[in-house]
Amino acid sequence: MNDLISRIEQRAEAMPWMTAVRLGGEAVTYGDLYQRVCAYDRVASRHALSENAALSAALVSFLPESVRRLAPEAQGRWVADAVMWLGRGLSGSDSLSAVG
């Protein structure tokens, strides 16, 4: 997962305007995603949580209202799919997970 966070950071620095992922038709840019991951990472670190938790929380925060009305398991699938999309092409991307 560290490789994924590094990829998001690199792309946010190089092309913050570029769409990282679409959630329910809403585009999330690398710049916005990385900014939100950093904000959640400050909170996660204080509570001994990992960057994985910060990325998951950031993605959840971008879920559109229509997805937020779904059951938590369905929301989790949206986040897991987003993590897999963001990690495509990375070595070991088959083992990426939004939790754990």
Protein backbone atom coordinates (compact mmCIF):
# COMPACT_ATOMS: atom_id res chain seq x y z
CA MET A 1 0.00 0.00 0.00
CA ASN A 2 2.98 2.33 0.55
CA ASP A 3 3.69 2.14 -3.19
CA LEU A 4 0.13 3.25 -3.85
CA ILE A 5 0.38 6.23 -1.50
CA SER A 6 3.70 7.15 -3.15
CA ARG A 7 2.09 6.94 -6.59
CA ILE A 8 -0.77 9.21 -5.49
CA GLU A 9 1.72 11.68 -4.01
CA GLN A 10 3.88 11.73 -7.16
CA ARG A 11 0.90 12.25 -9.42
CA ALA A 12 -0.54 14.91 -7.13
CA GLU A 13 2.74 16.83 -7.37
CA ALA A 14 3.12 16.38 -11.14
CA MET A 15 -0.51 16.69 -12.28
CA PRO A 16 -2.87 17.62 -9.44
CA TRP A 17 -5.69 18.32 -11.90
CA MET A 18 -5.69 14.79 -13.35
CA THR A 19 -8.59 12.50 -12.45
CA ALA A 20 -7.43 9.77 -10.09
CA VAL A 21 -10.71 7.90 -9.79
CA ARG A 22 -14.42 8.34 -10.42
CA LEU A 23 -16.82 7.52 -7.63
CA GLY A 24 -20.44 7.35 -8.69
CA GLY A 25 -19.70 9.54 -11.70
CA GLU A 26 -17.88 12.15 -9.60
CA ALA A 27 -14.24 12.77 -10.56
CA VAL A 28 -11.65 12.94 -7.79
CA THR A 29 -8.34 14.50 -8.81
CA TYR A 30 -4.95 13.35 -7.59
CA GLY A 31 -4.42 16.73 -5.95
CA ASP A 32 -7.67 16.57 -4.00
CA LEU A 33 -7.19 12.91 -3.08
CA TYR A 34 -3.65 13.40 -1.80
CA GLN A 35 -4.63 16.49 0.17
CA ARG A 36 -7.44 14.52 1.85
CA VAL A 37 -5.16 11.50 2.51
CA CYS A 38 -2.68 13.83 4.25
CA ALA A 39 -5.44 15.37 6.35
CA TYR A 40 -6.72 11.97 7.44
CA ASP A 41 -3.19 10.65 7.97
CA ARG A 42 -2.58 13.28 10.67
CA VAL A 43 -5.64 11.98 12.53
CA ALA A 44 -4.88 8.31 11.83
CA SER A 45 -1.30 8.65 13.08
CA ARG A 46 -2.44 10.09 16.40
CA HIS A 47 -4.56 6.98 16.90
CA ALA A 48 -1.92 4.47 15.75
CA LEU A 49 -3.68 3.79 12.46
CA SER A 50 -1.91 3.30 9.14
CA GLU A 51 -1.82 5.21 5.86
CA ASN A 52 -4.21 2.52 4.63
CA ALA A 53 -6.82 3.85 7.02
CA ALA A 54 -6.13 7.40 5.85
CA LEU A 55 -6.58 6.41 2.19
CA SER A 56 -9.77 4.51 2.94
CA ALA A 57 -11.17 7.41 4.96
CA ALA A 58 -10.25 9.86 2.20
CA LEU A 59 -12.04 7.75 -0.40
CA VAL A 60 -15.12 7.38 1.81
CA SER A 61 -15.21 11.15 2.23
CA PHE A 62 -15.51 11.53 -1.54
CA LEU A 63 -18.36 9.02 -1.95
CA PRO A 64 -21.41 10.72 -3.46
CA GLU A 65 -24.62 10.87 -1.46
CA SER A 66 -26.21 8.11 -3.55
CA VAL A 67 -23.46 5.70 -2.48
CA ARG A 68 -23.48 6.89 1.14
CA ARG A 69 -27.09 5.71 1.38
CA LEU A 70 -26.01 2.14 0.62
CA ALA A 71 -25.23 -0.47 3.25
CA PRO A 72 -21.73 -0.23 4.77
CA GLU A 73 -20.68 -3.42 2.95
CA ALA A 74 -21.59 -1.84 -0.39
CA GLN A 75 -19.71 1.34 0.48
CA GLY A 76 -16.72 -0.84 1.36
CA ARG A 77 -16.86 -2.46 -2.07
CA TRP A 78 -16.82 1.01 -3.69
CA VAL A 79 -13.71 1.90 -1.69
CA ALA A 80 -12.03 -1.45 -2.42
CA ASP A 81 -12.73 -1.04 -6.14
CA ALA A 82 -11.25 2.48 -6.03
CA VAL A 83 -8.11 1.18 -4.30
CA MET A 84 -7.73 -1.56 -6.91
CA TRP A 85 -8.18 1.01 -9.72
CA LEU A 86 -5.65 3.40 -8.21
CA GLY A 87 -3.17 0.55 -7.74
CA ARG A 88 -3.50 -0.95 -11.19
CA GLY A 89 -0.12 -1.75 -12.67
CA LEU A 90 1.73 -1.66 -9.36
CA SER A 91 3.74 -4.71 -8.41
CA GLY A 92 1.60 -6.75 -6.02
CA SER A 93 -1.58 -4.86 -6.90
CA ASP A 94 -3.51 -8.12 -6.58
CA SER A 95 -2.91 -7.91 -2.83
CA LEU A 96 -4.03 -4.28 -2.42
CA SER A 97 -6.82 -3.87 0.06
CA ALA A 98 -8.75 -0.94 1.43
CA VAL A 99 -8.49 -2.45 4.90
CA GLY A 100 -5.95 -4.40 6.86
